[in-house]
Structure formats: C-alpha cells, structure tokens
C-alpha cells in the first residue's frame, strides 16, 4: 500500500516541475510572439530569469521546449490502450486511447498557433516525427498482445499507420483553423487507410 507521502513527488522534484513549466510557458510566449527560429536560447533564459546553462539542465534543445511532452505521451497512450475493452477491434481501441484524455482546449487559438508553428517550422516538424517514432516502443507490444498473432511487424505497421493518421489529421485541423474537431480528421484519415 502506498501512502500519500510516498505517492507525491519530493520537494526537489516538485520544484523542478514548476521551473520546467515556467520556462516552457515563457519560451512558448516568445516563440508565438517572435517566431520559433527568431527566438534564441539566450532570450528564453533571460526572460525566464535563468542562465543559459540552467536552460540546458531542463532541455536538450530549443525544439524540446515545444515537443518534450511527446515521448511521455507514448506511455500515457499505452496506459489508455491497456484500459480499453479486451474485445474491442484494434483500430477502435487505438482511436479510443488517443481521444480518451483529449478534452476541449480552453484556448483553441493558442493551440492553433502552436500547431501552426510546429507544422511550419522544419526543425520542429522533423523532431515531431522523431518523437512520434518513439511511440512504437510504447504501443506496439500492447497492440501485438491484443492481436494475439505473435507478429511484431504487423503491430508496428498498425501503430505507424495510426501515428501517421494522427499527424496528418493534426495538419489538416491546423490548416482549416480548428473549425472541425481533430477526431473527425483522424476518423477520415483512418477511413481512407482502411478502404
């Protein structure tokens, strides 16, 4: 049995999480105001009140400020997939896992601005794809288990298709100004794949 004290991160970890969130918020404001490529790490550090060296304690690259959460999302998606009904068809289970925690964003315009920046900045676009590739390691074993075929290639292909559909749906959602829900674009992408 875990006590509340054991489950809660320690003071150092909480301080680090707060600092990470604050630096991220400051950097995102700069990126959205000045542009990603025009904003320097030194400007981010100065605006956050930290040194350049401190910036690199939290982030490996400037791109990681925007995309650092993508790797962690792979583990979150796997946990969501594991909670889906065992008899659910694999495509439906993956769709359900992806959208199970996706609520409506309180600030759709900011989310759109961030998405535009991600899709229109070559270095961010490349890193997004790289980060999504890490989802294979999280999702493919659970997909393979659900399929029950002992076919890791098939599982990875399915995960790859879902990741690509999600990426293309996000791009279409961004280009259309977020008028239609992202899940509608994702469903259309999956339908096109499965025809």
N, C-alpha and C. Protein backbone atom coordinates (compact mmCIF):
# COMPACT_ATOMS: atom_id res chain seq x y z
N UNK A 1 0.84 -1.18 0.00
CA UNK A 1 0.00 0.00 0.00
C UNK A 1 0.88 1.24 0.00
N UNK A 2 0.55 2.21 -0.83
CA UNK A 2 1.33 3.44 -0.96
C UNK A 2 0.67 4.54 -0.15
N UNK A 3 1.47 5.21 0.67
CA UNK A 3 0.93 6.32 1.43
C UNK A 3 0.92 7.56 0.55
N UNK A 4 0.19 8.58 0.99
CA UNK A 4 0.13 9.84 0.22
C UNK A 4 1.50 10.45 0.09
N UNK A 5 2.33 10.35 1.15
CA UNK A 5 3.67 10.92 1.11
C UNK A 5 4.56 10.20 0.09
N UNK A 6 4.38 8.87 -0.03
CA UNK A 6 5.18 8.11 -0.99
C UNK A 6 4.76 8.39 -2.43
N UNK A 7 3.47 8.64 -2.64
CA UNK A 7 2.97 8.87 -3.99
C UNK A 7 3.30 10.26 -4.50
N UNK A 8 3.42 11.21 -3.61
CA UNK A 8 3.67 12.59 -4.00
C UNK A 8 5.17 12.81 -4.24
N UNK A 9 5.53 13.48 -5.35
CA UNK A 9 6.95 13.73 -5.60
C UNK A 9 7.55 14.59 -4.49
N UNK A 10 8.83 14.44 -4.27
CA UNK A 10 9.52 15.21 -3.25
C UNK A 10 9.61 16.69 -3.62
N UNK A 11 10.08 17.48 -2.67
CA UNK A 11 10.18 18.92 -2.85
C UNK A 11 11.05 19.27 -4.05
N UNK A 12 12.19 18.59 -4.18
CA UNK A 12 13.09 18.89 -5.30
C UNK A 12 12.40 18.61 -6.63
N UNK A 13 11.71 17.48 -6.72
CA UNK A 13 11.02 17.12 -7.97
C UNK A 13 9.90 18.10 -8.27
N UNK A 14 9.16 18.52 -7.25
CA UNK A 14 8.08 19.50 -7.47
C UNK A 14 8.65 20.84 -7.91
N UNK A 15 9.77 21.24 -7.31
CA UNK A 15 10.42 22.50 -7.70
C UNK A 15 10.89 22.42 -9.15
N UNK A 16 11.44 21.29 -9.50
CA UNK A 16 11.92 21.10 -10.88
C UNK A 16 10.75 21.14 -11.86
N UNK A 17 9.63 20.50 -11.52
CA UNK A 17 8.44 20.51 -12.38
C UNK A 17 7.91 21.93 -12.56
N UNK A 18 7.89 22.70 -11.47
CA UNK A 18 7.42 24.09 -11.57
C UNK A 18 8.34 24.92 -12.46
N UNK A 19 9.66 24.75 -12.28
CA UNK A 19 10.62 25.50 -13.09
C UNK A 19 10.49 25.12 -14.57
N UNK A 20 10.35 23.82 -14.83
CA UNK A 20 10.18 23.33 -16.20
C UNK A 20 8.94 23.97 -16.83
N UNK A 21 7.84 23.97 -16.10
CA UNK A 21 6.59 24.54 -16.62
C UNK A 21 6.72 26.04 -16.85
N UNK A 22 7.41 26.73 -15.94
CA UNK A 22 7.57 28.18 -16.09
C UNK A 22 8.45 28.52 -17.28
N UNK A 23 9.56 27.82 -17.44
CA UNK A 23 10.45 28.06 -18.58
C UNK A 23 9.71 27.76 -19.88
N UNK A 24 8.96 26.68 -19.89
CA UNK A 24 8.18 26.32 -21.08
C UNK A 24 7.19 27.43 -21.43
N UNK A 25 6.47 27.93 -20.45
CA UNK A 25 5.47 28.99 -20.69
C UNK A 25 6.14 30.25 -21.23
N UNK A 26 7.25 30.64 -20.64
CA UNK A 26 7.98 31.83 -21.09
C UNK A 26 8.45 31.64 -22.52
N UNK A 27 9.04 30.48 -22.79
CA UNK A 27 9.55 30.20 -24.14
C UNK A 27 8.43 30.19 -25.17
N UNK A 28 7.31 29.56 -24.84
CA UNK A 28 6.19 29.49 -25.79
C UNK A 28 5.67 30.89 -26.11
N UNK A 29 5.59 31.74 -25.10
CA UNK A 29 5.16 33.12 -25.36
C UNK A 29 6.11 33.82 -26.33
N UNK A 30 7.40 33.62 -26.13
CA UNK A 30 8.39 34.21 -27.05
C UNK A 30 8.27 33.62 -28.45
N UNK A 31 8.13 32.31 -28.54
CA UNK A 31 8.01 31.66 -29.85
C UNK A 31 6.80 32.20 -30.60
N UNK A 32 5.68 32.34 -29.90
CA UNK A 32 4.46 32.76 -30.57
C UNK A 32 4.47 34.25 -30.90
N UNK A 33 5.27 35.02 -30.18
CA UNK A 33 5.38 36.46 -30.45
C UNK A 33 6.42 36.75 -31.53
N UNK A 34 7.61 36.17 -31.37
CA UNK A 34 8.73 36.47 -32.28
C UNK A 34 8.91 35.46 -33.40
N UNK A 35 8.45 34.25 -33.18
CA UNK A 35 8.71 33.16 -34.12
C UNK A 35 9.71 32.20 -33.50
N UNK A 36 9.56 30.93 -33.81
CA UNK A 36 10.44 29.92 -33.22
C UNK A 36 11.89 30.14 -33.62
N UNK A 37 12.13 30.27 -34.91
CA UNK A 37 13.50 30.37 -35.40
C UNK A 37 14.16 31.69 -35.02
N UNK A 38 13.35 32.72 -34.78
CA UNK A 38 13.90 34.03 -34.43
C UNK A 38 14.21 34.16 -32.93
N UNK A 39 13.69 33.27 -32.13
CA UNK A 39 13.90 33.31 -30.68
C UNK A 39 15.14 32.51 -30.33
N UNK A 40 16.04 33.13 -29.56
CA UNK A 40 17.27 32.43 -29.18
C UNK A 40 17.13 31.84 -27.78
N UNK A 41 17.99 30.89 -27.50
CA UNK A 41 18.03 30.29 -26.17
C UNK A 41 18.40 31.34 -25.14
N UNK A 42 19.31 32.24 -25.49
CA UNK A 42 19.69 33.30 -24.56
C UNK A 42 18.49 34.19 -24.22
N UNK A 43 17.64 34.46 -25.19
CA UNK A 43 16.44 35.26 -24.92
C UNK A 43 15.48 34.52 -23.98
N UNK A 44 15.34 33.23 -24.21
CA UNK A 44 14.47 32.43 -23.33
C UNK A 44 15.02 32.45 -21.90
N UNK A 45 16.33 32.21 -21.77
CA UNK A 45 16.95 32.19 -20.45
C UNK A 45 16.78 33.54 -19.75
N UNK A 46 17.02 34.62 -20.46
CA UNK A 46 16.88 35.95 -19.86
C UNK A 46 15.44 36.21 -19.43
N UNK A 47 14.49 35.88 -20.28
CA UNK A 47 13.08 36.11 -19.95
C UNK A 47 12.62 35.25 -18.77
N UNK A 48 13.21 34.06 -18.64
CA UNK A 48 12.85 33.15 -17.54
C UNK A 48 13.65 33.44 -16.27
N UNK A 49 14.65 34.31 -16.38
CA UNK A 49 15.47 34.64 -15.21
C UNK A 49 16.42 33.53 -14.82
N UNK A 50 16.92 32.80 -15.82
CA UNK A 50 17.87 31.73 -15.56
C UNK A 50 19.08 31.91 -16.47
N UNK A 51 20.12 31.14 -16.21
CA UNK A 51 21.30 31.18 -17.08
C UNK A 51 21.09 30.24 -18.27
N UNK A 52 21.92 30.43 -19.28
CA UNK A 52 21.90 29.54 -20.44
C UNK A 52 22.19 28.10 -19.99
N UNK A 53 23.12 27.97 -19.07
CA UNK A 53 23.47 26.64 -18.54
C UNK A 53 22.27 26.00 -17.85
N UNK A 54 21.52 26.79 -17.10
CA UNK A 54 20.33 26.27 -16.43
C UNK A 54 19.29 25.81 -17.45
N UNK A 55 19.16 26.55 -18.56
CA UNK A 55 18.23 26.14 -19.61
C UNK A 55 18.53 24.71 -20.03
N UNK A 56 19.81 24.40 -20.23
CA UNK A 56 20.19 23.07 -20.71
C UNK A 56 20.09 21.99 -19.64
N UNK A 57 19.86 22.37 -18.40
CA UNK A 57 19.56 21.36 -17.38
C UNK A 57 18.15 20.81 -17.56
N UNK A 58 17.30 21.62 -18.19
CA UNK A 58 15.90 21.22 -18.38
C UNK A 58 15.60 20.73 -19.80
N UNK A 59 16.30 21.27 -20.78
CA UNK A 59 16.01 20.98 -22.19
C UNK A 59 17.30 20.71 -22.94
N UNK A 60 17.26 19.69 -23.78
CA UNK A 60 18.42 19.38 -24.61
C UNK A 60 18.56 20.32 -25.79
N UNK A 61 17.43 20.76 -26.32
CA UNK A 61 17.40 21.64 -27.48
C UNK A 61 16.22 22.61 -27.35
N UNK A 62 16.23 23.60 -28.19
CA UNK A 62 15.09 24.54 -28.22
C UNK A 62 13.82 23.81 -28.64
N UNK A 63 13.94 22.86 -29.55
CA UNK A 63 12.78 22.08 -30.00
C UNK A 63 12.14 21.30 -28.85
N UNK A 64 12.96 20.86 -27.90
CA UNK A 64 12.44 20.09 -26.76
C UNK A 64 11.50 20.91 -25.89
N UNK A 65 11.63 22.23 -25.92
CA UNK A 65 10.70 23.07 -25.16
C UNK A 65 9.28 22.86 -25.68
N UNK A 66 9.16 22.77 -27.00
CA UNK A 66 7.85 22.62 -27.63
C UNK A 66 7.40 21.16 -27.62
N UNK A 67 8.33 20.24 -27.78
CA UNK A 67 7.97 18.84 -28.04
C UNK A 67 8.35 17.86 -26.95
N UNK A 68 8.89 18.32 -25.86
CA UNK A 68 9.36 17.43 -24.81
C UNK A 68 8.31 16.47 -24.29
N UNK A 69 7.07 16.88 -24.32
CA UNK A 69 5.97 16.06 -23.79
C UNK A 69 5.61 14.89 -24.68
N UNK A 70 6.04 14.90 -25.95
CA UNK A 70 5.61 13.86 -26.89
C UNK A 70 6.04 12.46 -26.48
N UNK A 71 7.26 12.33 -25.95
CA UNK A 71 7.73 11.00 -25.57
C UNK A 71 6.89 10.47 -24.42
N UNK A 72 6.64 11.31 -23.42
CA UNK A 72 5.82 10.89 -22.28
C UNK A 72 4.41 10.50 -22.72
N UNK A 73 3.90 11.15 -23.75
CA UNK A 73 2.56 10.83 -24.23
C UNK A 73 2.46 9.40 -24.75
N UNK A 74 3.57 8.84 -25.20
CA UNK A 74 3.56 7.45 -25.65
C UNK A 74 3.18 6.51 -24.51
N UNK A 75 3.75 6.75 -23.32
CA UNK A 75 3.43 5.93 -22.15
C UNK A 75 1.98 6.16 -21.71
N UNK A 76 1.52 7.39 -21.80
CA UNK A 76 0.13 7.71 -21.45
C UNK A 76 -0.82 6.99 -22.40
N UNK A 77 -0.50 7.00 -23.69
CA UNK A 77 -1.33 6.31 -24.68
C UNK A 77 -1.36 4.81 -24.43
N UNK A 78 -0.21 4.25 -24.08
CA UNK A 78 -0.19 2.81 -23.81
C UNK A 78 -1.10 2.48 -22.63
N UNK A 79 -1.02 3.28 -21.57
CA UNK A 79 -1.88 3.04 -20.40
C UNK A 79 -3.34 3.16 -20.79
N UNK A 80 -3.66 4.15 -21.64
CA UNK A 80 -5.06 4.30 -22.09
C UNK A 80 -5.48 3.12 -22.95
N UNK A 81 -4.58 2.61 -23.79
CA UNK A 81 -4.89 1.44 -24.61
C UNK A 81 -5.12 0.21 -23.74
N UNK A 82 -4.32 0.06 -22.70
CA UNK A 82 -4.47 -1.08 -21.80
C UNK A 82 -5.82 -1.06 -21.07
N UNK A 83 -6.40 0.12 -20.91
CA UNK A 83 -7.70 0.24 -20.24
C UNK A 83 -8.88 0.00 -21.18
N UNK A 84 -8.64 -0.06 -22.47
CA UNK A 84 -9.73 -0.29 -23.42
C UNK A 84 -10.23 -1.73 -23.29
N UNK A 85 -11.50 -1.98 -23.65
CA UNK A 85 -12.03 -3.35 -23.56
C UNK A 85 -11.21 -4.33 -24.39
N UNK A 86 -10.98 -5.49 -23.83
CA UNK A 86 -10.15 -6.51 -24.49
C UNK A 86 -10.71 -6.95 -25.84
N UNK A 87 -12.03 -6.97 -25.99
CA UNK A 87 -12.62 -7.45 -27.23
C UNK A 87 -12.82 -6.34 -28.26
N UNK A 88 -12.36 -5.15 -27.97
CA UNK A 88 -12.52 -4.04 -28.91
C UNK A 88 -11.58 -4.22 -30.10
N UNK A 89 -12.09 -3.96 -31.28
CA UNK A 89 -11.29 -4.04 -32.51
C UNK A 89 -10.09 -3.10 -32.37
N UNK A 90 -8.93 -3.49 -32.87
CA UNK A 90 -7.67 -2.78 -32.58
C UNK A 90 -7.68 -1.33 -33.04
N UNK A 91 -8.25 -1.05 -34.21
CA UNK A 91 -8.28 0.34 -34.69
C UNK A 91 -9.16 1.20 -33.78
N UNK A 92 -10.29 0.65 -33.37
CA UNK A 92 -11.19 1.37 -32.46
C UNK A 92 -10.54 1.57 -31.10
N UNK A 93 -9.80 0.57 -30.64
CA UNK A 93 -9.12 0.67 -29.35
C UNK A 93 -8.05 1.77 -29.38
N UNK A 94 -7.29 1.82 -30.46
CA UNK A 94 -6.27 2.85 -30.58
C UNK A 94 -6.89 4.24 -30.67
N UNK A 95 -7.97 4.36 -31.44
CA UNK A 95 -8.66 5.64 -31.54
C UNK A 95 -9.19 6.05 -30.17
N UNK A 96 -9.80 5.10 -29.47
CA UNK A 96 -10.32 5.39 -28.14
C UNK A 96 -9.23 5.81 -27.17
N UNK A 97 -8.07 5.17 -27.26
CA UNK A 97 -6.95 5.53 -26.39
C UNK A 97 -6.46 6.94 -26.68
N UNK A 98 -6.36 7.27 -27.95
CA UNK A 98 -5.86 8.60 -28.34
C UNK A 98 -6.78 9.70 -27.84
N UNK A 99 -8.07 9.48 -27.97
CA UNK A 99 -9.00 10.55 -27.63
C UNK A 99 -9.62 10.42 -26.24
N UNK A 100 -9.18 9.44 -25.46
CA UNK A 100 -9.75 9.24 -24.12
C UNK A 100 -9.42 10.39 -23.18
N UNK A 101 -8.24 10.97 -23.33
CA UNK A 101 -7.86 12.05 -22.42
C UNK A 101 -7.88 13.41 -23.11
N UNK A 102 -8.28 13.42 -24.36
CA UNK A 102 -8.29 14.69 -25.10
C UNK A 102 -9.59 15.43 -24.83
N UNK A 103 -9.49 16.44 -24.03
CA UNK A 103 -10.64 17.29 -23.78
C UNK A 103 -10.57 18.51 -24.70
N UNK A 104 -11.55 19.35 -24.57
CA UNK A 104 -11.53 20.57 -25.35
C UNK A 104 -10.49 21.51 -24.75
N UNK A 105 -9.67 22.09 -25.58
CA UNK A 105 -8.66 23.03 -25.11
C UNK A 105 -9.34 24.32 -24.67
N UNK A 106 -8.94 24.84 -23.51
CA UNK A 106 -9.55 26.09 -23.06
C UNK A 106 -9.14 27.27 -23.95
N UNK A 107 -8.05 27.13 -24.68
CA UNK A 107 -7.57 28.22 -25.53
C UNK A 107 -7.24 27.66 -26.91
N UNK A 108 -8.28 27.48 -27.71
CA UNK A 108 -8.11 26.89 -29.03
C UNK A 108 -7.20 27.73 -29.92
N UNK A 109 -7.28 29.04 -29.81
CA UNK A 109 -6.45 29.90 -30.64
C UNK A 109 -4.97 29.73 -30.33
N UNK A 110 -4.63 29.60 -29.05
CA UNK A 110 -3.22 29.37 -28.69
C UNK A 110 -2.77 28.00 -29.19
N UNK A 111 -3.62 27.00 -29.03
CA UNK A 111 -3.30 25.67 -29.51
C UNK A 111 -3.08 25.67 -31.02
N UNK A 112 -3.92 26.40 -31.74
CA UNK A 112 -3.75 26.52 -33.19
C UNK A 112 -2.44 27.21 -33.55
N UNK A 113 -2.11 28.26 -32.83
CA UNK A 113 -0.86 28.99 -33.09
C UNK A 113 0.35 28.07 -32.87
N UNK A 114 0.30 27.27 -31.81
CA UNK A 114 1.38 26.32 -31.55
C UNK A 114 1.45 25.27 -32.65
N UNK A 115 0.29 24.76 -33.06
CA UNK A 115 0.26 23.74 -34.13
C UNK A 115 0.80 24.32 -35.43
N UNK A 116 0.41 25.54 -35.76
CA UNK A 116 0.95 26.17 -36.98
C UNK A 116 2.46 26.27 -36.92
N UNK A 117 2.97 26.69 -35.76
CA UNK A 117 4.41 26.80 -35.58
C UNK A 117 5.06 25.43 -35.78
N UNK A 118 4.47 24.39 -35.21
CA UNK A 118 5.04 23.05 -35.33
C UNK A 118 5.05 22.56 -36.77
N UNK A 119 3.95 22.76 -37.48
CA UNK A 119 3.87 22.24 -38.84
C UNK A 119 4.64 23.08 -39.84
N UNK A 120 4.90 24.34 -39.54
CA UNK A 120 5.56 25.23 -40.50
C UNK A 120 7.04 25.44 -40.23
N UNK A 121 7.55 24.92 -39.14
CA UNK A 121 8.98 25.07 -38.82
C UNK A 121 9.66 23.74 -39.09
N UNK A 122 10.55 23.69 -40.09
CA UNK A 122 11.16 22.41 -40.47
C UNK A 122 11.81 21.64 -39.33
N UNK A 123 12.53 22.32 -38.45
CA UNK A 123 13.20 21.59 -37.36
C UNK A 123 12.19 21.02 -36.38
N UNK A 124 11.09 21.73 -36.14
CA UNK A 124 10.05 21.21 -35.25
C UNK A 124 9.31 20.05 -35.91
N UNK A 125 9.05 20.18 -37.20
CA UNK A 125 8.36 19.12 -37.94
C UNK A 125 9.16 17.82 -37.89
N UNK A 126 10.47 17.96 -38.12
CA UNK A 126 11.34 16.78 -38.10
C UNK A 126 11.39 16.15 -36.71
N UNK A 127 11.49 16.99 -35.68
CA UNK A 127 11.54 16.47 -34.31
C UNK A 127 10.20 15.86 -33.89
N UNK A 128 9.10 16.40 -34.41
CA UNK A 128 7.79 15.82 -34.11
C UNK A 128 7.73 14.39 -34.61
N UNK A 129 8.17 14.19 -35.84
CA UNK A 129 8.18 12.84 -36.42
C UNK A 129 9.10 11.93 -35.61
N UNK A 130 10.26 12.44 -35.25
CA UNK A 130 11.22 11.65 -34.45
C UNK A 130 10.61 11.25 -33.11
N UNK A 131 9.94 12.18 -32.45
CA UNK A 131 9.32 11.88 -31.15
C UNK A 131 8.17 10.88 -31.32
N UNK A 132 7.39 11.04 -32.39
CA UNK A 132 6.28 10.10 -32.62
C UNK A 132 6.81 8.68 -32.85
N UNK A 133 7.96 8.56 -33.47
CA UNK A 133 8.53 7.23 -33.71
C UNK A 133 8.79 6.49 -32.40
N UNK A 134 9.04 7.23 -31.34
CA UNK A 134 9.28 6.60 -30.04
C UNK A 134 8.01 5.98 -29.46
N UNK A 135 6.85 6.39 -29.99
CA UNK A 135 5.59 5.79 -29.54
C UNK A 135 5.51 4.32 -29.91
N UNK A 136 6.23 3.91 -30.95
CA UNK A 136 6.21 2.49 -31.35
C UNK A 136 6.59 1.60 -30.18
N UNK A 137 7.63 2.01 -29.45
CA UNK A 137 8.12 1.19 -28.35
C UNK A 137 7.07 1.05 -27.25
N UNK A 138 6.25 2.07 -27.08
CA UNK A 138 5.21 2.02 -26.06
C UNK A 138 3.99 1.23 -26.52
N UNK A 139 3.57 1.47 -27.75
CA UNK A 139 2.28 0.94 -28.21
C UNK A 139 2.35 -0.43 -28.88
N UNK A 140 3.41 -0.69 -29.63
CA UNK A 140 3.46 -1.93 -30.42
C UNK A 140 3.34 -3.20 -29.57
N UNK A 141 3.98 -3.29 -28.40
CA UNK A 141 3.82 -4.53 -27.62
C UNK A 141 2.37 -4.78 -27.20
N UNK A 142 1.65 -3.72 -26.83
CA UNK A 142 0.25 -3.91 -26.42
C UNK A 142 -0.62 -4.24 -27.63
N UNK A 143 -0.33 -3.63 -28.78
CA UNK A 143 -1.08 -3.96 -29.99
C UNK A 143 -0.83 -5.42 -30.36
N UNK A 144 0.43 -5.85 -30.30
CA UNK A 144 0.76 -7.24 -30.62
C UNK A 144 0.05 -8.21 -29.67
N UNK A 145 0.03 -7.87 -28.39
CA UNK A 145 -0.65 -8.72 -27.41
C UNK A 145 -2.13 -8.84 -27.74
N UNK A 146 -2.75 -7.71 -28.07
CA UNK A 146 -4.19 -7.70 -28.38
C UNK A 146 -4.49 -8.50 -29.66
N UNK A 147 -3.60 -8.42 -30.63
CA UNK A 147 -3.81 -9.15 -31.87
C UNK A 147 -3.67 -10.65 -31.65
N UNK A 148 -2.79 -11.02 -30.72
CA UNK A 148 -2.60 -12.44 -30.40
C UNK A 148 -1.97 -13.24 -31.52
N UNK A 149 -1.29 -12.57 -32.42
CA UNK A 149 -0.72 -13.25 -33.58
C UNK A 149 0.77 -13.52 -33.45
N UNK A 150 1.42 -12.90 -32.46
CA UNK A 150 2.87 -13.05 -32.36
C UNK A 150 3.58 -12.44 -33.56
N UNK A 151 3.01 -11.38 -34.10
CA UNK A 151 3.54 -10.73 -35.30
C UNK A 151 3.93 -9.29 -34.98
N UNK A 152 5.18 -9.08 -34.51
CA UNK A 152 5.58 -7.72 -34.13
C UNK A 152 5.58 -6.73 -35.30
N UNK A 153 5.86 -7.23 -36.51
CA UNK A 153 5.85 -6.32 -37.66
C UNK A 153 4.45 -5.78 -37.90
N UNK A 154 3.45 -6.64 -37.87
CA UNK A 154 2.07 -6.19 -38.08
C UNK A 154 1.69 -5.15 -37.02
N UNK A 155 2.07 -5.40 -35.77
CA UNK A 155 1.76 -4.46 -34.69
C UNK A 155 2.40 -3.11 -34.95
N UNK A 156 3.66 -3.11 -35.37
CA UNK A 156 4.37 -1.85 -35.63
C UNK A 156 3.78 -1.13 -36.84
N UNK A 157 3.35 -1.88 -37.84
CA UNK A 157 2.71 -1.27 -39.01
C UNK A 157 1.41 -0.57 -38.59
N UNK A 158 0.62 -1.22 -37.77
CA UNK A 158 -0.63 -0.62 -37.30
C UNK A 158 -0.35 0.65 -36.51
N UNK A 159 0.63 0.59 -35.60
CA UNK A 159 0.99 1.78 -34.82
C UNK A 159 1.48 2.89 -35.76
N UNK A 160 2.30 2.53 -36.74
CA UNK A 160 2.79 3.52 -37.69
C UNK A 160 1.67 4.19 -38.47
N UNK A 161 0.70 3.41 -38.87
CA UNK A 161 -0.45 3.96 -39.59
C UNK A 161 -1.24 4.92 -38.71
N UNK A 162 -1.44 4.54 -37.46
CA UNK A 162 -2.19 5.40 -36.54
C UNK A 162 -1.43 6.70 -36.27
N UNK A 163 -0.14 6.60 -36.06
CA UNK A 163 0.68 7.79 -35.81
C UNK A 163 0.64 8.72 -37.03
N UNK A 164 0.77 8.14 -38.22
CA UNK A 164 0.72 8.95 -39.45
C UNK A 164 -0.65 9.59 -39.63
N UNK A 165 -1.71 8.84 -39.38
CA UNK A 165 -3.07 9.40 -39.48
C UNK A 165 -3.25 10.55 -38.50
N UNK A 166 -2.74 10.39 -37.29
CA UNK A 166 -2.85 11.45 -36.29
C UNK A 166 -2.08 12.69 -36.73
N UNK A 167 -0.89 12.50 -37.26
CA UNK A 167 -0.07 13.62 -37.72
C UNK A 167 -0.76 14.36 -38.87
N UNK A 168 -1.25 13.62 -39.85
CA UNK A 168 -1.91 14.25 -41.00
C UNK A 168 -3.24 14.89 -40.60
N UNK A 169 -3.94 14.27 -39.65
CA UNK A 169 -5.18 14.87 -39.15
C UNK A 169 -4.88 16.19 -38.44
N UNK A 170 -3.80 16.21 -37.67
CA UNK A 170 -3.41 17.44 -36.99
C UNK A 170 -3.06 18.54 -37.96
N UNK A 171 -2.39 18.17 -39.03
CA UNK A 171 -2.03 19.16 -40.05
C UNK A 171 -3.29 19.71 -40.73
N UNK A 172 -4.22 18.84 -41.08
CA UNK A 172 -5.47 19.28 -41.71
C UNK A 172 -6.29 20.16 -40.76
N UNK A 173 -6.35 19.75 -39.49
CA UNK A 173 -7.07 20.53 -38.47
C UNK A 173 -6.47 21.93 -38.37
N UNK A 174 -5.15 21.99 -38.39
CA UNK A 174 -4.45 23.28 -38.30
C UNK A 174 -4.73 24.15 -39.52
N UNK A 175 -4.63 23.56 -40.70
CA UNK A 175 -4.85 24.32 -41.94
C UNK A 175 -6.28 24.84 -42.03
N UNK A 176 -7.23 24.10 -41.48
CA UNK A 176 -8.63 24.52 -41.52
C UNK A 176 -9.02 25.42 -40.36
N UNK A 177 -8.03 25.79 -39.54
CA UNK A 177 -8.29 26.72 -38.45
C UNK A 177 -9.04 26.12 -37.28
N UNK A 178 -9.00 24.80 -37.13
CA UNK A 178 -9.62 24.15 -35.99
C UNK A 178 -11.14 24.21 -35.97
N UNK A 179 -11.74 24.42 -37.14
CA UNK A 179 -13.20 24.55 -37.22
C UNK A 179 -13.89 23.22 -36.89
N UNK A 180 -13.33 22.15 -37.39
CA UNK A 180 -13.88 20.80 -37.18
C UNK A 180 -13.02 20.10 -36.13
N UNK A 181 -13.60 19.30 -35.26
CA UNK A 181 -12.80 18.60 -34.24
C UNK A 181 -11.72 17.71 -34.86
N UNK A 182 -10.58 17.65 -34.19
CA UNK A 182 -9.45 16.85 -34.65
C UNK A 182 -9.86 15.39 -34.87
N UNK A 183 -10.70 14.86 -34.01
CA UNK A 183 -11.08 13.45 -34.13
C UNK A 183 -11.80 13.17 -35.44
N UNK A 184 -12.50 14.18 -36.01
CA UNK A 184 -13.16 13.98 -37.30
C UNK A 184 -12.13 13.80 -38.43
N UNK A 185 -11.05 14.60 -38.36
CA UNK A 185 -9.98 14.45 -39.35
C UNK A 185 -9.28 13.10 -39.18
N UNK A 186 -9.09 12.70 -37.94
CA UNK A 186 -8.45 11.42 -37.66
C UNK A 186 -9.30 10.28 -38.20
N UNK A 187 -10.61 10.34 -37.96
CA UNK A 187 -11.51 9.31 -38.47
C UNK A 187 -11.48 9.25 -40.00
N UNK A 188 -11.45 10.42 -40.65
CA UNK A 188 -11.38 10.47 -42.11
C UNK A 188 -10.08 9.84 -42.61
N UNK A 189 -8.98 10.12 -41.90
CA UNK A 189 -7.69 9.55 -42.29
C UNK A 189 -7.70 8.03 -42.13
N UNK A 190 -8.26 7.54 -41.02
CA UNK A 190 -8.35 6.10 -40.81
C UNK A 190 -9.25 5.45 -41.86
N UNK A 191 -10.36 6.10 -42.18
CA UNK A 191 -11.27 5.56 -43.20
C UNK A 191 -10.56 5.45 -44.54
N UNK A 192 -9.78 6.48 -44.89
CA UNK A 192 -9.05 6.45 -46.17
C UNK A 192 -8.05 5.31 -46.18
N UNK A 193 -7.43 5.04 -45.06
CA UNK A 193 -6.43 3.98 -44.96
C UNK A 193 -7.07 2.60 -45.08
N UNK A 194 -8.24 2.45 -44.50
CA UNK A 194 -8.85 1.13 -44.42
C UNK A 194 -9.76 0.79 -45.59
N UNK A 195 -9.91 1.67 -46.55
CA UNK A 195 -10.75 1.39 -47.73
C UNK A 195 -10.07 0.44 -48.68
